[in-house]
Amino acid sequence: MCVFCAAIPIAASTGIALNGKQVQAKRQAESAGIEKPKIKPIMQVTVGVIFLLMVGSATYHTLTYLP
């Protein structure tokens, strides 16, 4: 498996985990009645990273296996 193909699920799982921690912190702040933490665009960045990795993977596999 190439580096691009291996990095796609790693990036997805990392982004989902970070987003989950952010949502959990927001819910805890709401239940405790304290100020909500600033929401970061983690999912949008994760989708962008996955898209770039897919483009890189397609380019790599296309150029590598050309006759």
Protein backbone atom coordinates (compact mmCIF):
# COMPACT_ATOMS: atom_id res chain seq x y z
CA MET A 1 0.00 0.00 0.00
CA CYS A 2 1.38 3.40 -0.95
CA VAL A 3 1.86 6.27 1.48
CA PHE A 4 -1.12 8.19 0.12
CA CYS A 5 -3.47 5.21 0.40
CA ALA A 6 -2.29 4.45 3.94
CA ALA A 7 -2.66 8.07 5.05
CA ILE A 8 -6.33 8.40 4.04
CA PRO A 9 -7.81 6.25 6.86
CA ILE A 10 -5.30 7.67 9.34
CA ALA A 11 -6.37 11.23 8.50
CA ALA A 12 -10.05 10.28 8.70
CA SER A 13 -9.78 8.59 12.07
CA THR A 14 -7.68 11.41 13.51
CA GLY A 15 -10.15 14.03 12.32
CA ILE A 16 -13.12 12.12 13.70
CA ALA A 17 -11.40 11.66 17.06
CA LEU A 18 -10.49 15.35 17.31
CA ASN A 19 -14.01 16.40 16.36
CA GLY A 20 -15.47 14.03 18.95
CA LYS A 21 -13.29 15.51 21.69
CA GLN A 22 -14.37 18.99 20.64
CA VAL A 23 -18.07 18.08 20.75
CA GLN A 24 -17.61 16.39 24.12
CA ALA A 25 -15.90 19.48 25.56
CA LYS A 26 -18.73 21.65 24.22
CA ARG A 27 -21.38 19.43 25.84
CA GLN A 28 -19.54 19.37 29.15
CA ALA A 29 -19.28 23.16 29.11
CA GLU A 30 -22.99 23.48 28.40
CA SER A 31 -23.95 21.12 31.21
CA ALA A 32 -21.62 22.84 33.68
CA GLY A 33 -22.91 26.26 32.69
CA ILE A 34 -19.50 27.65 31.82
CA GLU A 35 -18.42 29.47 28.69
CA LYS A 36 -18.37 27.29 25.59
CA PRO A 37 -14.96 26.66 24.02
CA LYS A 38 -14.30 28.10 20.58
CA ILE A 39 -15.38 25.68 17.85
CA LYS A 40 -12.64 24.90 15.34
CA PRO A 41 -13.42 23.74 11.78
CA ILE A 42 -11.95 20.28 12.30
CA MET A 43 -14.28 18.38 9.97
CA GLN A 44 -13.80 20.83 7.10
CA VAL A 45 -10.02 20.55 7.44
CA THR A 46 -10.29 16.76 7.63
CA VAL A 47 -12.37 16.62 4.44
CA GLY A 48 -9.85 18.89 2.70
CA VAL A 49 -6.92 16.75 3.77
CA ILE A 50 -8.65 13.56 2.62
CA PHE A 51 -9.48 15.17 -0.73
CA LEU A 52 -5.85 16.22 -1.25
CA LEU A 53 -4.64 12.75 -0.31
CA MET A 54 -7.05 11.20 -2.81
CA VAL A 55 -5.84 13.54 -5.56
CA GLY A 56 -2.24 12.71 -4.67
CA SER A 57 -3.00 9.00 -4.68
CA ALA A 58 -4.73 9.14 -8.06
CA THR A 59 -1.86 11.16 -9.52
CA TYR A 60 0.77 8.85 -8.07
CA HIS A 61 -0.93 5.67 -9.27
CA THR A 62 -1.61 7.14 -12.71
CA LEU A 63 1.97 8.28 -13.26
CA THR A 64 3.55 5.20 -11.72
CA TYR A 65 1.71 2.64 -13.82
CA LEU A 66 1.84 4.39 -17.20
CA PRO A 67 3.49 2.29 -19.92
